[in-house]
Amino acid sequence: MDEIRTPAEDDVAVEAAVLRLLLELHPAPICFEELLREIAAGTADFAQHDALERALRDLAASGLLHRNGDFVLPSRAAVRFDELLAR
């Protein structure tokens, strides 16, 4: 049976996927369009674009990423947390 998720659970899943990808690519910044292609597996529609915008907004608001124009990268706190979890 397929799992049914709420919109809030979908948002959390997108945030987690975005942060994982940013941490994998660190220290290289990635632009929004590249990130959208990666997250949407090349077939982005309005809903995926909107979900990514929400994820970036919420991750930035919680201090886990920085946006510089069209580029995004994980914050130092996110990178350090990732390093601590890897030990």
Protein backbone atom coordinates (compact mmCIF):
# COMPACT_ATOMS: atom_id res chain seq x y z
CA MET A 1 0.00 0.00 0.00
CA ASP A 2 1.34 3.44 -0.89
CA GLU A 3 2.08 5.75 1.98
CA ILE A 4 -0.11 8.85 2.05
CA ARG A 5 1.64 11.95 3.37
CA THR A 6 0.25 15.30 4.41
CA PRO A 7 1.46 18.47 2.67
CA ALA A 8 3.51 19.30 5.78
CA GLU A 9 5.20 15.88 5.62
CA ASP A 10 5.91 16.44 1.92
CA ASP A 11 7.53 19.79 2.76
CA VAL A 12 9.74 18.17 5.41
CA ALA A 13 10.80 15.48 2.92
CA VAL A 14 11.78 18.12 0.34
CA GLU A 15 13.70 20.12 2.96
CA ALA A 16 15.60 16.98 3.99
CA ALA A 17 16.41 16.10 0.38
CA VAL A 18 17.62 19.62 -0.35
CA LEU A 19 19.81 19.77 2.73
CA ARG A 20 21.30 16.32 2.05
CA LEU A 21 22.16 17.37 -1.51
CA LEU A 22 23.68 20.68 -0.41
CA LEU A 23 25.83 18.89 2.17
CA GLU A 24 26.97 16.32 -0.40
CA LEU A 25 28.01 19.07 -2.81
CA HIS A 26 29.61 21.29 -0.16
CA PRO A 27 31.71 23.44 -0.53
CA ALA A 28 30.42 24.10 -4.05
CA PRO A 29 27.36 26.36 -4.24
CA ILE A 30 24.53 25.28 -6.51
CA CYS A 31 22.09 27.53 -8.33
CA PHE A 32 18.34 27.21 -7.93
CA GLU A 33 17.78 25.77 -11.42
CA GLU A 34 20.43 23.07 -10.94
CA LEU A 35 18.97 22.20 -7.57
CA LEU A 36 15.49 22.00 -9.08
CA ARG A 37 16.72 19.63 -11.80
CA GLU A 38 18.38 17.41 -9.19
CA ILE A 39 15.42 17.32 -6.83
CA ALA A 40 12.78 16.91 -9.56
CA ALA A 41 14.86 14.41 -11.56
CA GLY A 42 14.78 16.67 -14.60
CA THR A 43 11.01 17.04 -14.90
CA ALA A 44 10.06 20.03 -12.75
CA ASP A 45 6.54 21.37 -12.76
CA PHE A 46 5.03 24.32 -10.88
CA ALA A 47 4.34 22.24 -7.76
CA GLN A 48 7.96 21.06 -7.55
CA HIS A 49 9.26 24.57 -8.19
CA ASP A 50 7.01 25.90 -5.42
CA ALA A 51 7.99 23.09 -3.03
CA LEU A 52 11.68 23.87 -3.59
CA GLU A 53 11.11 27.58 -2.97
CA ARG A 54 9.33 26.76 0.30
CA ALA A 55 12.10 24.38 1.34
CA LEU A 56 14.81 26.97 0.66
CA ARG A 57 12.84 29.64 2.52
CA ASP A 58 12.28 27.43 5.55
CA LEU A 59 15.85 26.08 5.66
CA ALA A 60 17.21 29.62 5.44
CA ALA A 61 14.83 30.78 8.17
CA SER A 62 16.10 28.04 10.47
CA GLY A 63 19.73 28.92 9.74
CA LEU A 64 20.59 25.79 7.77
CA LEU A 65 21.35 27.40 4.42
CA HIS A 66 22.36 30.67 2.84
CA ARG A 67 21.15 32.17 -0.43
CA ASN A 68 23.40 34.49 -2.38
CA GLY A 69 21.45 35.63 -5.39
CA ASP A 70 20.52 32.50 -7.29
CA PHE A 71 23.04 30.32 -5.43
CA VAL A 72 22.45 28.32 -2.27
CA LEU A 73 24.85 26.59 0.09
CA PRO A 74 24.60 25.03 3.55
CA SER A 75 25.35 27.17 6.57
CA ARG A 76 28.40 26.54 8.72
CA ALA A 77 26.10 25.17 11.42
CA ALA A 78 24.59 22.63 9.01
CA VAL A 79 28.05 21.56 7.79
CA ARG A 80 29.34 21.17 11.34
CA PHE A 81 26.26 19.18 12.39
CA ASP A 82 26.79 16.91 9.38
CA GLU A 83 30.43 16.42 10.39
CA LEU A 84 29.43 15.52 13.93
CA LEU A 85 26.88 12.96 12.73
CA ALA A 86 29.46 11.33 10.47
CA ARG A 87 31.66 10.39 13.46
